[in-house]
C-alpha atoms as a PDB file:
ATOM      1  CA  MET A   1      93.614  24.531 -35.341  1.00  0.00           C
ATOM      2  CA  ILE A   2      94.901  22.059 -37.378  1.00  0.00           C
ATOM      3  CA  ILE A   3      97.927  22.016 -39.582  1.00  0.00           C
ATOM      4  CA  ARG A   4      99.214  19.268 -41.892  1.00  0.00           C
ATOM      5  CA  LEU A   5     102.901  19.227 -42.911  1.00  0.00           C
ATOM      6  CA  LEU A   6     104.985  17.061 -44.921  1.00  0.00           C
ATOM      7  CA  PRO A   7     106.686  14.132 -42.641  1.00  0.00           C
ATOM      8  CA  ASN A   8     110.637  15.562 -44.062  1.00  0.00           C
ATOM      9  CA  SER A   9     109.744  19.128 -43.346  1.00  0.00           C
ATOM     10  CA  PRO A  10     112.171  20.992 -40.572  1.00  0.00           C
ATOM     11  CA  ALA A  11     108.811  22.706 -39.078  1.00  0.00           C
ATOM     12  CA  VAL A  12     107.924  19.020 -37.942  1.00  0.00           C
ATOM     13  CA  ASN A  13     111.438  18.591 -35.565  1.00  0.00           C
ATOM     14  CA  ALA A  14     110.260  22.104 -34.343  1.00  0.00           C
ATOM     15  CA  LEU A  15     106.566  21.068 -33.358  1.00  0.00           C
ATOM     16  CA  CYS A  16     108.160  17.886 -31.885  1.00  0.00           C
ATOM     17  CA  ILE A  17     110.855  19.613 -29.584  1.00  0.00           C
ATOM     18  CA  CYS A  18     108.002  22.539 -28.570  1.00  0.00           C
ATOM     19  CA  HIS A  19     105.264  19.588 -28.093  1.00  0.00           C
ATOM     20  CA  GLU A  20     107.677  17.769 -25.972  1.00  0.00           C
ATOM     21  CA  ARG A  21     109.497  20.638 -24.026  1.00  0.00           C
ATOM     22  CA  GLU A  22     105.834  22.281 -23.687  1.00  0.00           C
ATOM     23  CA  ARG A  23     107.303  25.371 -25.391  1.00  0.00           C
ATOM     24  CA  LEU A  24     105.201  27.930 -27.845  1.00  0.00           C
ATOM     25  CA  TYR A  25     105.356  26.699 -31.552  1.00  0.00           C
ATOM     26  CA  ARG A  26     105.012  30.111 -34.166  1.00  0.00           C
ATOM     27  CA  HIS A  27     102.721  29.821 -37.124  1.00  0.00           C
ATOM     28  CA  ASN A  28     102.242  32.468 -39.233  1.00  0.00           C
ATOM     29  CA  GLY A  29     103.532  35.185 -36.602  1.00  0.00           C
ATOM     30  CA  GLN A  30     101.133  33.461 -33.852  1.00  0.00           C
ATOM     31  CA  GLU A  31     102.050  31.359 -31.065  1.00  0.00           C
ATOM     32  CA  TYR A  32     100.335  27.967 -30.316  1.00  0.00           C
ATOM     33  CA  MET A  33     100.931  25.326 -27.638  1.00  0.00           C
ATOM     34  CA  VAL A  34     101.204  22.052 -29.682  1.00  0.00           C
ATOM     35  CA  GLU A  35      98.485  19.431 -28.114  1.00  0.00           C
ATOM     36  CA  GLN A  36      99.166  16.835 -30.157  1.00  0.00           C
ATOM     37  CA  ILE A  37     101.036  15.181 -33.155  1.00  0.00           C
ATOM     38  CA  SER A  38      99.900  12.187 -35.486  1.00  0.00           C
ATOM     39  CA  LEU A  39     100.964  10.526 -38.732  1.00  0.00           C
ATOM     40  CA  ILE A  40      98.318  10.078 -41.196  1.00  0.00           C
ATOM     41  CA  GLY A  41      98.616   7.948 -44.401  1.00  0.00           C
ATOM     42  CA  ASP A  42     101.837   6.021 -45.869  1.00  0.00           C
ATOM     43  CA  GLY A  43     104.196   6.673 -48.764  1.00  0.00           C
ATOM     44  CA  GLN A  44     103.840   9.788 -50.967  1.00  0.00           C
ATOM     45  CA  SER A  45     100.484  10.752 -49.041  1.00  0.00           C
ATOM     46  CA  ALA A  46     101.772  10.655 -45.455  1.00  0.00           C
ATOM     47  CA  ARG A  47     101.584  13.804 -43.198  1.00  0.00           C
ATOM     48  CA  VAL A  48     102.184  14.749 -40.086  1.00  0.00           C
ATOM     49  CA  VAL A  49      99.284  16.270 -38.312  1.00  0.00           C
ATOM     50  CA  ALA A  50      99.584  19.010 -35.426  1.00  0.00           C
ATOM     51  CA  GLU A  51      96.838  19.780 -33.485  1.00  0.00           C
ATOM     52  CA  LEU A  52      97.493  23.617 -32.063  1.00  0.00           C
ATOM     53  CA  LYS A  53      95.778  25.704 -29.634  1.00  0.00           C
ATOM     54  CA  SER A  54      96.328  29.426 -27.974  1.00  0.00           C
ATOM     55  CA  PRO A  55      98.137  29.596 -25.193  1.00  0.00           C
ATOM     56  CA  PHE A  56      95.139  31.823 -23.209  1.00  0.00           C
ATOM     57  CA  ASP A  57      93.038  28.436 -23.723  1.00  0.00           C
ATOM     58  CA  VAL A  58      95.879  26.080 -22.239  1.00  0.00           C
ATOM     59  CA  LEU A  59      96.121  28.361 -19.164  1.00  0.00           C
ATOM     60  CA  GLU A  60      92.391  28.561 -18.498  1.00  0.00           C
ATOM     61  CA  ASP A  61      92.066  24.428 -19.410  1.00  0.00           C
ATOM     62  CA  LYS A  62      94.604  24.023 -16.692  1.00  0.00           C
ATOM     63  CA  GLN A  63      93.274  26.537 -14.108  1.00  0.00           C
ATOM     64  CA  TYR A  64      90.033  24.516 -13.548  1.00  0.00           C
END
């Protein structure tokens, strides 16, 4: 799942912390692992893009 956020959103800080510490991030009542964070655009069109993955999928990837 990919989500896009405004750069000054408090959720961006939460995403960064969860990504750095490999913690679960809660989005719309579901828990996800943050796989990747990037910034696209500049100025008013800038957005933070985060790729979220189910924790069960992450566990399967690490086992093989």
